[in-house]
Protein backbone atom coordinates (compact mmCIF):
# COMPACT_ATOMS: atom_id res chain seq x y z
CA MET A 1 86.78 97.28 101.42
CA TRP A 2 90.39 96.29 102.25
CA GLY A 3 89.15 94.01 105.03
CA GLU A 4 86.91 92.18 102.56
CA ILE A 5 89.81 91.76 100.13
CA MET A 6 92.00 90.37 102.94
CA ARG A 7 89.28 87.86 103.81
CA LEU A 8 88.90 86.80 100.17
CA VAL A 9 92.66 86.39 99.82
CA GLN A 10 92.81 84.20 102.94
CA VAL A 11 89.88 82.01 101.93
CA THR A 12 91.17 81.61 98.39
CA ALA A 13 94.78 80.94 99.43
CA LYS A 14 93.62 78.25 101.85
CA ARG A 15 91.79 76.30 99.13
CA ALA A 16 93.87 76.88 95.99
CA PRO A 17 96.43 74.19 95.12
CA ASN A 18 98.60 76.55 93.04
CA LEU A 19 99.01 80.20 92.08
CA PRO A 20 97.18 80.12 88.72
CA GLN A 21 94.12 78.58 90.40
CA PHE A 22 94.45 81.07 93.27
CA LEU A 23 94.32 83.95 90.78
CA ASP A 24 91.39 82.43 88.87
CA GLN A 25 89.38 81.78 92.04
CA LEU A 26 90.18 85.19 93.50
CA MET A 27 89.00 86.90 90.33
CA VAL A 28 85.69 85.05 90.50
CA LYS A 29 85.19 85.88 94.18
CA MET A 30 86.00 89.54 93.59
CA GLY A 31 83.82 89.73 90.49
CA ALA A 32 86.80 90.76 88.37
CA VAL A 33 86.41 90.48 84.63
CA ALA A 34 90.09 90.55 83.71
CA LEU A 35 93.39 90.51 85.49
CA GLU A 36 96.29 92.53 84.19
CA PRO A 37 99.19 91.64 86.48
CA ALA A 38 102.38 93.63 86.42
CA PRO A 39 104.98 91.86 84.22
CA GLU A 40 107.24 91.20 87.19
CA LEU A 41 104.46 89.25 88.91
CA LEU A 42 103.97 86.89 85.97
CA ALA A 43 107.30 85.23 86.82
CA ILE A 44 105.75 83.74 89.97
CA LEU A 45 103.64 81.46 87.79
CA ASP A 46 106.83 79.69 86.67
CA LEU A 47 107.78 78.69 90.22
CA THR A 48 107.86 75.08 91.36
CA ALA A 49 104.84 73.56 93.09
CA THR A 50 106.64 73.75 96.45
CA GLU A 51 107.47 77.42 95.97
CA GLN A 52 103.89 78.17 94.95
CA LYS A 53 102.57 76.42 98.07
CA GLN A 54 104.92 78.51 100.21
CA ILE A 55 103.56 81.67 98.62
CA LEU A 56 99.97 80.51 99.17
CA ALA A 57 100.78 79.78 102.81
CA SER A 58 102.22 83.27 103.16
CA LEU A 59 99.13 84.81 101.58
CA TYR A 60 96.93 82.86 103.96
CA GLU A 61 98.97 83.79 107.01
CA THR A 62 99.62 87.44 106.10
CA PRO A 63 96.99 88.68 103.63
CA GLN A 64 97.87 92.27 104.43
CA TRP A 65 100.80 91.86 102.00
CA ILE A 66 98.43 91.43 99.08
CA ILE A 67 96.59 94.53 100.21
CA LEU A 68 99.83 96.51 100.19
CA LEU A 69 100.61 95.27 96.67
CA VAL A 70 97.11 96.16 95.45
CA ARG A 71 97.24 99.61 96.98
CA ASP A 72 100.70 100.21 95.49
CA ARG A 73 99.52 99.14 92.04
CA ILE A 74 96.45 101.39 92.24
CA GLN A 75 98.63 104.33 93.26
CA ARG A 76 101.11 103.73 90.41
CA GLU A 77 98.26 103.46 87.88
CA ARG A 78 96.71 106.69 89.14
CA LEU A 79 100.02 108.50 88.81
CA GLY A 80 100.49 107.09 85.32
CA ASN A 81 97.01 108.18 84.27
CA GLN A 82 97.59 111.67 85.67
CA LYS A 83 100.84 112.00 83.69
CA GLU A 84 99.10 110.87 80.50
CA ALA A 85 96.30 113.40 81.05
CA ASN A 86 98.79 116.26 81.34
């Protein structure tokens, strides 16, 4: 599963001209209905075009970083849900 996500991140990062389009295209490719990014990640959408292109280049070159972020988010959400259940 993580290998497939890495491939989708690379393919999407290579073709997207900016971060909002990257997120939109990635959601479609992953079959995601909605995206609920962490508030701290929303700030990246306010970056300049040059900064966004640098991020896209990094995602293309090292997609394992997105995997680490996804796994971290899943883990934090699981812990939060467990605390709410108790």
